[in-house]
């Protein structure tokens, strides 16, 4: 379990949960309970919407607190005088040296200036989860984006239904004005967040399906890797293809090999 003490990240976390709670309040109180008040569609929509919110929060918490794939630090301080003598063997194993961590790091690991550590398969540091998106939590970050997109679309559909449906005669003018105000605010929130997360989600899927993180795209280091089936690349992030249903839920079903014991043994000895 990790928690990055970054002011920007903490503010973004608070804002995220305020937005989620506000959306849940408006949809439940001012939309569903207004247009489906005397129908079975009311309880059904409340259940469905809050189930999505629950999955959204669980995937977000996993992305926030799960170690993204931090490279263990060596027990011995790295002696840079020996670097040239070990360079050939490092290049053979595709390991590199991080001068900021003063540590060896495995292939495709990069340094995060906010976390101040090297992260395996670092995609980027995201303030909305106050954590890096890396090898171990990319699945949950992608799930979070998907659930936010579904919640936004769901909210917009319900708002449109509210506007085109007949107004309940039992609602006072003051309540109607409040419903309209909350609906407009939620529509703006859903539209902005929906477009934002869909753009990031497409970028994440591109990085996964083409096996190249944004950092590697900038450094042009992804071209040497052989082409692999897209489904296999998705399974590497989301879990085994035998349990594809688990891809939809924030449960630990990743298919990657996190051999930290092996990394620790390597780092505690000369490379």
C-alpha atoms as a PDB file:
ATOM      1  CA  UNK A   1       0.000   0.000   0.000  1.00  0.00           C
ATOM      2  CA  UNK A   2       1.374   3.399  -0.998  1.00  0.00           C
ATOM      3  CA  UNK A   3       0.217   6.993  -0.659  1.00  0.00           C
ATOM      4  CA  UNK A   4       2.088   9.817  -2.348  1.00  0.00           C
ATOM      5  CA  UNK A   5       2.237  13.030  -0.317  1.00  0.00           C
ATOM      6  CA  UNK A   6       1.721  15.398  -3.236  1.00  0.00           C
ATOM      7  CA  UNK A   7      -0.429  18.509  -2.715  1.00  0.00           C
ATOM      8  CA  UNK A   8      -1.738  18.591  -6.281  1.00  0.00           C
ATOM      9  CA  UNK A   9      -2.610  14.893  -6.149  1.00  0.00           C
ATOM     10  CA  UNK A  10      -4.430  15.194  -2.820  1.00  0.00           C
ATOM     11  CA  UNK A  11      -6.475  18.158  -4.109  1.00  0.00           C
ATOM     12  CA  UNK A  12      -7.382  16.169  -7.233  1.00  0.00           C
ATOM     13  CA  UNK A  13      -8.444  13.202  -5.076  1.00  0.00           C
ATOM     14  CA  UNK A  14     -10.748  15.396  -2.995  1.00  0.00           C
ATOM     15  CA  UNK A  15     -12.208  17.024  -6.116  1.00  0.00           C
ATOM     16  CA  UNK A  16     -12.752  13.598  -7.729  1.00  0.00           C
ATOM     17  CA  UNK A  17     -14.769  12.251  -4.808  1.00  0.00           C
ATOM     18  CA  UNK A  18     -16.770  15.470  -4.454  1.00  0.00           C
ATOM     19  CA  UNK A  19     -17.697  15.189  -8.141  1.00  0.00           C
ATOM     20  CA  UNK A  20     -18.645  11.512  -7.747  1.00  0.00           C
ATOM     21  CA  UNK A  21     -20.785  12.142  -4.667  1.00  0.00           C
ATOM     22  CA  UNK A  22     -22.466  15.134  -6.280  1.00  0.00           C
ATOM     23  CA  UNK A  23     -23.325  13.119  -9.398  1.00  0.00           C
ATOM     24  CA  UNK A  24     -24.757  10.315  -7.265  1.00  0.00           C
ATOM     25  CA  UNK A  25     -26.822  12.800  -5.227  1.00  0.00           C
ATOM     26  CA  UNK A  26     -28.262  14.596  -8.276  1.00  0.00           C
ATOM     27  CA  UNK A  27     -29.058  11.430 -10.225  1.00  0.00           C
ATOM     28  CA  UNK A  28     -30.689   9.724  -7.252  1.00  0.00           C
ATOM     29  CA  UNK A  29     -32.507  12.675  -5.660  1.00  0.00           C
ATOM     30  CA  UNK A  30     -33.368  15.020  -8.516  1.00  0.00           C
ATOM     31  CA  UNK A  31     -33.599  12.733 -11.532  1.00  0.00           C
ATOM     32  CA  UNK A  32     -34.466   9.094 -10.798  1.00  0.00           C
ATOM     33  CA  UNK A  33     -36.719   9.815  -7.812  1.00  0.00           C
ATOM     34  CA  UNK A  34     -38.498  12.459  -9.889  1.00  0.00           C
ATOM     35  CA  UNK A  35     -39.179  10.790 -13.229  1.00  0.00           C
ATOM     36  CA  UNK A  36     -39.467   7.200 -11.941  1.00  0.00           C
ATOM     37  CA  UNK A  37     -41.086   7.923  -8.599  1.00  0.00           C
ATOM     38  CA  UNK A  38     -44.066   5.599  -9.129  1.00  0.00           C
ATOM     39  CA  UNK A  39     -42.350   3.014 -11.303  1.00  0.00           C
ATOM     40  CA  UNK A  40     -40.143  -0.040 -10.842  1.00  0.00           C
ATOM     41  CA  UNK A  41     -37.652   1.702 -13.107  1.00  0.00           C
ATOM     42  CA  UNK A  42     -36.795   3.955 -10.156  1.00  0.00           C
ATOM     43  CA  UNK A  43     -35.309   1.313  -7.806  1.00  0.00           C
ATOM     44  CA  UNK A  44     -33.733  -0.465 -10.801  1.00  0.00           C
ATOM     45  CA  UNK A  45     -31.927   2.668 -11.994  1.00  0.00           C
ATOM     46  CA  UNK A  46     -30.859   3.553  -8.455  1.00  0.00           C
ATOM     47  CA  UNK A  47     -29.380   0.063  -8.093  1.00  0.00           C
ATOM     48  CA  UNK A  48     -27.626   0.131 -11.490  1.00  0.00           C
ATOM     49  CA  UNK A  49     -26.232   3.640 -11.103  1.00  0.00           C
ATOM     50  CA  UNK A  50     -24.931   3.036  -7.587  1.00  0.00           C
ATOM     51  CA  UNK A  51     -23.406  -0.293  -8.636  1.00  0.00           C
ATOM     52  CA  UNK A  52     -21.391   1.531 -11.291  1.00  0.00           C
ATOM     53  CA  UNK A  53     -20.413   4.163  -8.718  1.00  0.00           C
ATOM     54  CA  UNK A  54     -19.287   1.397  -6.345  1.00  0.00           C
ATOM     55  CA  UNK A  55     -17.133  -0.245  -9.033  1.00  0.00           C
ATOM     56  CA  UNK A  56     -15.764   3.173  -9.980  1.00  0.00           C
ATOM     57  CA  UNK A  57     -14.710   3.914  -6.396  1.00  0.00           C
ATOM     58  CA  UNK A  58     -13.213   0.451  -5.840  1.00  0.00           C
ATOM     59  CA  UNK A  59     -11.131   0.608  -9.026  1.00  0.00           C
ATOM     60  CA  UNK A  60     -10.038   4.145  -8.155  1.00  0.00           C
ATOM     61  CA  UNK A  61      -8.963   3.143  -4.646  1.00  0.00           C
ATOM     62  CA  UNK A  62      -6.988   0.230  -6.081  1.00  0.00           C
ATOM     63  CA  UNK A  63      -5.253   2.554  -8.530  1.00  0.00           C
ATOM     64  CA  UNK A  64      -4.522   5.033  -5.727  1.00  0.00           C
ATOM     65  CA  UNK A  65      -3.144   2.732  -3.036  1.00  0.00           C
ATOM     66  CA  UNK A  66      -1.658  -0.173  -4.993  1.00  0.00           C
ATOM     67  CA  UNK A  67       2.080  -0.118  -5.592  1.00  0.00           C
ATOM     68  CA  UNK A  68       2.375   0.671  -9.322  1.00  0.00           C
ATOM     69  CA  UNK A  69       5.530  -1.420  -9.650  1.00  0.00           C
ATOM     70  CA  UNK A  70       8.234   0.356  -7.669  1.00  0.00           C
ATOM     71  CA  UNK A  71      11.727  -0.982  -8.324  1.00  0.00           C
ATOM     72  CA  UNK A  72      13.271  -2.147  -5.012  1.00  0.00           C
ATOM     73  CA  UNK A  73      16.303  -0.217  -3.856  1.00  0.00           C
ATOM     74  CA  UNK A  74      19.629  -1.967  -3.544  1.00  0.00           C
ATOM     75  CA  UNK A  75      20.853  -2.707  -0.036  1.00  0.00           C
ATOM     76  CA  UNK A  76      24.277  -1.432  -1.069  1.00  0.00           C
ATOM     77  CA  UNK A  77      24.804   2.077  -2.369  1.00  0.00           C
ATOM     78  CA  UNK A  78      25.680   2.045  -6.059  1.00  0.00           C
ATOM     79  CA  UNK A  79      29.348   2.680  -6.738  1.00  0.00           C
ATOM     80  CA  UNK A  80      29.508   4.699  -9.954  1.00  0.00           C
ATOM     81  CA  UNK A  81      33.222   4.007 -10.295  1.00  0.00           C
ATOM     82  CA  UNK A  82      32.304   0.419 -11.241  1.00  0.00           C
ATOM     83  CA  UNK A  83      29.701   1.454 -13.761  1.00  0.00           C
ATOM     84  CA  UNK A  84      31.898   1.168 -16.853  1.00  0.00           C
ATOM     85  CA  UNK A  85      33.113  -2.293 -15.912  1.00  0.00           C
ATOM     86  CA  UNK A  86      29.497  -3.512 -15.558  1.00  0.00           C
ATOM     87  CA  UNK A  87      28.138  -1.645 -18.590  1.00  0.00           C
ATOM     88  CA  UNK A  88      28.467  -4.549 -21.035  1.00  0.00           C
ATOM     89  CA  UNK A  89      26.613  -6.970 -18.786  1.00  0.00           C
ATOM     90  CA  UNK A  90      23.952  -4.373 -18.043  1.00  0.00           C
ATOM     91  CA  UNK A  91      23.337  -3.822 -21.747  1.00  0.00           C
ATOM     92  CA  UNK A  92      23.132  -7.558 -22.350  1.00  0.00           C
ATOM     93  CA  UNK A  93      20.338  -7.927 -19.774  1.00  0.00           C
ATOM     94  CA  UNK A  94      18.778  -4.597 -20.861  1.00  0.00           C
ATOM     95  CA  UNK A  95      19.094  -3.230 -17.335  1.00  0.00           C
ATOM     96  CA  UNK A  96      19.964   0.443 -16.902  1.00  0.00           C
ATOM     97  CA  UNK A  97      21.183   2.692 -14.120  1.00  0.00           C
ATOM     98  CA  UNK A  98      19.089   5.460 -12.568  1.00  0.00           C
ATOM     99  CA  UNK A  99      21.396   8.228 -11.394  1.00  0.00           C
ATOM    100  CA  UNK A 100      18.596   9.778  -9.326  1.00  0.00           C
ATOM    101  CA  UNK A 101      17.776   6.610  -7.369  1.00  0.00           C
ATOM    102  CA  UNK A 102      21.429   5.527  -7.604  1.00  0.00           C
ATOM    103  CA  UNK A 103      20.086   2.104  -8.378  1.00  0.00           C
ATOM    104  CA  UNK A 104      19.898  -0.535 -11.089  1.00  0.00           C
ATOM    105  CA  UNK A 105      16.533  -0.848 -12.799  1.00  0.00           C
ATOM    106  CA  UNK A 106      15.050  -3.554 -15.059  1.00  0.00           C
ATOM    107  CA  UNK A 107      14.031  -3.045 -18.699  1.00  0.00           C
ATOM    108  CA  UNK A 108      11.167  -0.578 -19.352  1.00  0.00           C
ATOM    109  CA  UNK A 109      11.435   1.002 -15.889  1.00  0.00           C
ATOM    110  CA  UNK A 110      11.594   4.802 -15.647  1.00  0.00           C
ATOM    111  CA  UNK A 111      12.035   7.373 -12.905  1.00  0.00           C
ATOM    112  CA  UNK A 112       9.098   9.412 -11.603  1.00  0.00           C
ATOM    113  CA  UNK A 113      10.165  12.827 -10.357  1.00  0.00           C
ATOM    114  CA  UNK A 114       7.074  13.120  -8.098  1.00  0.00           C
ATOM    115  CA  UNK A 115       7.287   9.676  -6.468  1.00  0.00           C
ATOM    116  CA  UNK A 116      11.116   9.935  -6.555  1.00  0.00           C
ATOM    117  CA  UNK A 117      11.386   6.248  -7.465  1.00  0.00           C
ATOM    118  CA  UNK A 118      11.739   4.129 -10.581  1.00  0.00           C
ATOM    119  CA  UNK A 119       8.515   2.438 -11.678  1.00  0.00           C
ATOM    120  CA  UNK A 120       8.245  -0.665 -13.856  1.00  0.00           C
ATOM    121  CA  UNK A 121       6.589   0.097 -17.188  1.00  0.00           C
ATOM    122  CA  UNK A 122       5.825   3.660 -16.119  1.00  0.00           C
ATOM    123  CA  UNK A 123       3.058   5.181 -18.232  1.00  0.00           C
ATOM    124  CA  UNK A 124       2.737   8.516 -16.439  1.00  0.00           C
ATOM    125  CA  UNK A 125       2.117  10.043 -13.019  1.00  0.00           C
ATOM    126  CA  UNK A 126      -1.588  10.849 -12.726  1.00  0.00           C
ATOM    127  CA  UNK A 127      -2.723  13.475 -10.190  1.00  0.00           C
ATOM    128  CA  UNK A 128      -6.290  12.117 -10.358  1.00  0.00           C
ATOM    129  CA  UNK A 129      -5.133   8.945  -8.602  1.00  0.00           C
ATOM    130  CA  UNK A 130      -2.215  10.656  -6.827  1.00  0.00           C
ATOM    131  CA  UNK A 131      -0.022   7.800  -8.020  1.00  0.00           C
ATOM    132  CA  UNK A 132       1.924   6.555 -10.991  1.00  0.00           C
ATOM    133  CA  UNK A 133       0.241   4.401 -13.621  1.00  0.00           C
ATOM    134  CA  UNK A 134       2.572   1.451 -13.904  1.00  0.00           C
ATOM    135  CA  UNK A 135       2.837  -2.284 -14.282  1.00  0.00           C
ATOM    136  CA  UNK A 136       0.715  -3.265 -11.298  1.00  0.00           C
ATOM    137  CA  UNK A 137      -2.139  -0.742 -11.304  1.00  0.00           C
ATOM    138  CA  UNK A 138      -2.726   0.043 -14.983  1.00  0.00           C
ATOM    139  CA  UNK A 139      -5.694  -2.348 -15.080  1.00  0.00           C
ATOM    140  CA  UNK A 140      -7.455  -0.494 -12.252  1.00  0.00           C
ATOM    141  CA  UNK A 141      -6.677   2.904 -13.766  1.00  0.00           C
ATOM    142  CA  UNK A 142      -8.187   1.759 -17.067  1.00  0.00           C
ATOM    143  CA  UNK A 143     -11.244   0.412 -15.231  1.00  0.00           C
ATOM    144  CA  UNK A 144     -11.631   3.733 -13.436  1.00  0.00           C
ATOM    145  CA  UNK A 145     -11.674   5.541 -16.781  1.00  0.00           C
ATOM    146  CA  UNK A 146     -14.242   3.123 -18.207  1.00  0.00           C
ATOM    147  CA  UNK A 147     -16.562   3.468 -15.206  1.00  0.00           C
ATOM    148  CA  UNK A 148     -16.321   7.271 -15.260  1.00  0.00           C
ATOM    149  CA  UNK A 149     -17.201   7.237 -18.971  1.00  0.00           C
ATOM    150  CA  UNK A 150     -20.190   4.925 -18.330  1.00  0.00           C
ATOM    151  CA  UNK A 151     -21.351   7.079 -15.404  1.00  0.00           C
ATOM    152  CA  UNK A 152     -21.112  10.240 -17.517  1.00  0.00           C
ATOM    153  CA  UNK A 153     -23.065   8.748 -20.422  1.00  0.00           C
ATOM    154  CA  UNK A 154     -25.652   7.264 -18.040  1.00  0.00           C
ATOM    155  CA  UNK A 155     -26.125  10.647 -16.346  1.00  0.00           C
ATOM    156  CA  UNK A 156     -26.525  12.493 -19.641  1.00  0.00           C
ATOM    157  CA  UNK A 157     -29.152   9.997 -20.845  1.00  0.00           C
ATOM    158  CA  UNK A 158     -31.127  10.350 -17.603  1.00  0.00           C
ATOM    159  CA  UNK A 159     -30.949  14.154 -17.804  1.00  0.00           C
ATOM    160  CA  UNK A 160     -32.298  14.107 -21.369  1.00  0.00           C
ATOM    161  CA  UNK A 161     -35.120  11.771 -20.307  1.00  0.00           C
ATOM    162  CA  UNK A 162     -35.939  14.180 -17.473  1.00  0.00           C
ATOM    163  CA  UNK A 163     -36.173  17.156 -19.831  1.00  0.00           C
ATOM    164  CA  UNK A 164     -38.404  15.425 -22.384  1.00  0.00           C
ATOM    165  CA  UNK A 165     -40.670  13.680 -19.882  1.00  0.00           C
ATOM    166  CA  UNK A 166     -43.810  15.165 -18.392  1.00  0.00           C
ATOM    167  CA  UNK A 167     -43.290  17.216 -15.272  1.00  0.00           C
ATOM    168  CA  UNK A 168     -44.723  15.777 -12.065  1.00  0.00           C
ATOM    169  CA  UNK A 169     -47.584  18.007 -10.890  1.00  0.00           C
ATOM    170  CA  UNK A 170     -46.631  17.400  -7.262  1.00  0.00           C
ATOM    171  CA  UNK A 171     -43.323  19.239  -7.763  1.00  0.00           C
ATOM    172  CA  UNK A 172     -43.351  22.885  -6.727  1.00  0.00           C
ATOM    173  CA  UNK A 173     -41.834  25.623  -8.839  1.00  0.00           C
ATOM    174  CA  UNK A 174     -38.928  25.949  -6.422  1.00  0.00           C
ATOM    175  CA  UNK A 175     -38.186  22.223  -6.657  1.00  0.00           C
ATOM    176  CA  UNK A 176     -38.441  22.349 -10.449  1.00  0.00           C
ATOM    177  CA  UNK A 177     -35.913  25.183 -10.538  1.00  0.00           C
ATOM    178  CA  UNK A 178     -33.554  23.284  -8.244  1.00  0.00           C
ATOM    179  CA  UNK A 179     -33.873  20.175 -10.403  1.00  0.00           C
ATOM    180  CA  UNK A 180     -33.106  22.190 -13.526  1.00  0.00           C
ATOM    181  CA  UNK A 181     -30.087  23.868 -11.898  1.00  0.00           C
ATOM    182  CA  UNK A 182     -28.645  20.573 -10.655  1.00  0.00           C
ATOM    183  CA  UNK A 183     -29.329  18.938 -14.029  1.00  0.00           C
ATOM    184  CA  UNK A 184     -27.460  21.662 -15.926  1.00  0.00           C
ATOM    185  CA  UNK A 185     -24.473  21.486 -13.550  1.00  0.00           C
ATOM    186  CA  UNK A 186     -24.396  17.684 -13.796  1.00  0.00           C
ATOM    187  CA  UNK A 187     -24.707  17.851 -17.585  1.00  0.00           C
ATOM    188  CA  UNK A 188     -21.650  20.104 -17.767  1.00  0.00           C
ATOM    189  CA  UNK A 189     -19.753  17.907 -15.310  1.00  0.00           C
ATOM    190  CA  UNK A 190     -20.645  14.704 -17.161  1.00  0.00           C
ATOM    191  CA  UNK A 191     -19.818  16.181 -20.555  1.00  0.00           C
ATOM    192  CA  UNK A 192     -16.432  17.562 -19.529  1.00  0.00           C
ATOM    193  CA  UNK A 193     -15.335  14.554 -17.471  1.00  0.00           C
ATOM    194  CA  UNK A 194     -16.747  12.124 -20.041  1.00  0.00           C
ATOM    195  CA  UNK A 195     -14.783  13.624 -22.927  1.00  0.00           C
ATOM    196  CA  UNK A 196     -11.667  13.938 -20.768  1.00  0.00           C
ATOM    197  CA  UNK A 197     -11.600  10.316 -19.584  1.00  0.00           C
ATOM    198  CA  UNK A 198     -12.538   8.920 -23.010  1.00  0.00           C
ATOM    199  CA  UNK A 199      -9.530  10.698 -24.503  1.00  0.00           C
ATOM    200  CA  UNK A 200      -7.254   9.279 -21.782  1.00  0.00           C
ATOM    201  CA  UNK A 201      -8.864   5.837 -22.132  1.00  0.00           C
ATOM    202  CA  UNK A 202      -8.106   5.786 -25.868  1.00  0.00           C
ATOM    203  CA  UNK A 203      -4.521   6.769 -25.122  1.00  0.00           C
ATOM    204  CA  UNK A 204      -4.226   3.977 -22.541  1.00  0.00           C
ATOM    205  CA  UNK A 205      -5.656   1.373 -24.917  1.00  0.00           C
ATOM    206  CA  UNK A 206      -3.258   2.518 -27.621  1.00  0.00           C
ATOM    207  CA  UNK A 207      -0.310   2.165 -25.242  1.00  0.00           C
ATOM    208  CA  UNK A 208      -1.424  -1.335 -24.220  1.00  0.00           C
ATOM    209  CA  UNK A 209      -2.338  -2.669 -27.664  1.00  0.00           C
ATOM    210  CA  UNK A 210       0.849  -1.328 -29.256  1.00  0.00           C
ATOM    211  CA  UNK A 211       2.999  -2.310 -26.261  1.00  0.00           C
ATOM    212  CA  UNK A 212       4.538   1.134 -25.974  1.00  0.00           C
ATOM    213  CA  UNK A 213       4.189   3.632 -23.149  1.00  0.00           C
ATOM    214  CA  UNK A 214       4.155   7.400 -23.832  1.00  0.00           C
ATOM    215  CA  UNK A 215       7.679   7.669 -22.385  1.00  0.00           C
ATOM    216  CA  UNK A 216       8.895   4.987 -24.778  1.00  0.00           C
ATOM    217  CA  UNK A 217       7.156   6.758 -27.655  1.00  0.00           C
ATOM    218  CA  UNK A 218       9.080   9.933 -26.868  1.00  0.00           C
ATOM    219  CA  UNK A 219      12.340   8.023 -26.506  1.00  0.00           C
ATOM    220  CA  UNK A 220      11.550   5.872 -29.595  1.00  0.00           C
ATOM    221  CA  UNK A 221      12.415   2.697 -27.699  1.00  0.00           C
ATOM    222  CA  UNK A 222       9.433   0.552 -28.597  1.00  0.00           C
ATOM    223  CA  UNK A 223      10.299  -0.365 -32.174  1.00  0.00           C
ATOM    224  CA  UNK A 224      12.620  -3.224 -31.192  1.00  0.00           C
ATOM    225  CA  UNK A 225       9.873  -5.292 -29.558  1.00  0.00           C
ATOM    226  CA  UNK A 226       8.254  -7.990 -31.719  1.00  0.00           C
ATOM    227  CA  UNK A 227       4.598  -7.714 -32.633  1.00  0.00           C
ATOM    228  CA  UNK A 228       2.332  -9.658 -30.298  1.00  0.00           C
ATOM    229  CA  UNK A 229      -1.390 -10.495 -30.484  1.00  0.00           C
ATOM    230  CA  UNK A 230      -3.568  -7.653 -29.187  1.00  0.00           C
ATOM    231  CA  UNK A 231      -5.567  -9.978 -26.962  1.00  0.00           C
ATOM    232  CA  UNK A 232      -2.365 -11.251 -25.359  1.00  0.00           C
ATOM    233  CA  UNK A 233      -1.284  -7.675 -24.626  1.00  0.00           C
ATOM    234  CA  UNK A 234      -4.659  -6.907 -23.035  1.00  0.00           C
ATOM    235  CA  UNK A 235      -4.436 -10.130 -21.008  1.00  0.00           C
ATOM    236  CA  UNK A 236      -1.007  -9.072 -19.757  1.00  0.00           C
ATOM    237  CA  UNK A 237      -2.604  -6.002 -18.188  1.00  0.00           C
ATOM    238  CA  UNK A 238      -6.108  -7.190 -17.281  1.00  0.00           C
ATOM    239  CA  UNK A 239      -5.566 -10.846 -16.437  1.00  0.00           C
ATOM    240  CA  UNK A 240      -5.775 -14.306 -17.915  1.00  0.00           C
ATOM    241  CA  UNK A 241      -7.904 -14.827 -21.015  1.00  0.00           C
ATOM    242  CA  UNK A 242      -9.499 -17.769 -19.212  1.00  0.00           C
ATOM    243  CA  UNK A 243     -11.164 -15.330 -16.812  1.00  0.00           C
ATOM    244  CA  UNK A 244     -12.020 -12.415 -19.083  1.00  0.00           C
ATOM    245  CA  UNK A 245     -15.112 -11.659 -16.986  1.00  0.00           C
ATOM    246  CA  UNK A 246     -12.726 -10.527 -14.230  1.00  0.00           C
ATOM    247  CA  UNK A 247     -11.465  -7.840 -16.580  1.00  0.00           C
ATOM    248  CA  UNK A 248     -14.639  -5.907 -15.755  1.00  0.00           C
ATOM    249  CA  UNK A 249     -14.171  -5.985 -11.993  1.00  0.00           C
ATOM    250  CA  UNK A 250     -11.529  -4.375  -9.747  1.00  0.00           C
ATOM    251  CA  UNK A 251     -10.063  -7.658  -8.553  1.00  0.00           C
ATOM    252  CA  UNK A 252      -6.410  -8.673  -8.663  1.00  0.00           C
ATOM    253  CA  UNK A 253      -6.226 -10.890 -11.715  1.00  0.00           C
ATOM    254  CA  UNK A 254      -3.210  -9.472 -13.482  1.00  0.00           C
ATOM    255  CA  UNK A 255      -1.199 -11.817 -15.650  1.00  0.00           C
ATOM    256  CA  UNK A 256       2.131 -10.083 -15.281  1.00  0.00           C
ATOM    257  CA  UNK A 257       4.998 -11.598 -13.312  1.00  0.00           C
ATOM    258  CA  UNK A 258       5.936  -9.422 -10.352  1.00  0.00           C
ATOM    259  CA  UNK A 259       9.052 -11.173  -9.153  1.00  0.00           C
ATOM    260  CA  UNK A 260      10.214  -8.694  -6.530  1.00  0.00           C
ATOM    261  CA  UNK A 261      12.157 -11.384  -4.716  1.00  0.00           C
ATOM    262  CA  UNK A 262      14.161 -11.922  -7.897  1.00  0.00           C
ATOM    263  CA  UNK A 263      14.656  -8.159  -8.330  1.00  0.00           C
ATOM    264  CA  UNK A 264      15.787  -7.846  -4.723  1.00  0.00           C
ATOM    265  CA  UNK A 265      18.313 -10.630  -5.142  1.00  0.00           C
ATOM    266  CA  UNK A 266      19.662  -8.973  -8.271  1.00  0.00           C
ATOM    267  CA  UNK A 267      19.878  -5.556  -6.611  1.00  0.00           C
ATOM    268  CA  UNK A 268      21.602  -6.934  -3.522  1.00  0.00           C
ATOM    269  CA  UNK A 269      24.402  -8.377  -5.609  1.00  0.00           C
ATOM    270  CA  UNK A 270      26.674  -7.121  -8.316  1.00  0.00           C
ATOM    271  CA  UNK A 271      24.961  -7.057 -11.697  1.00  0.00           C
END
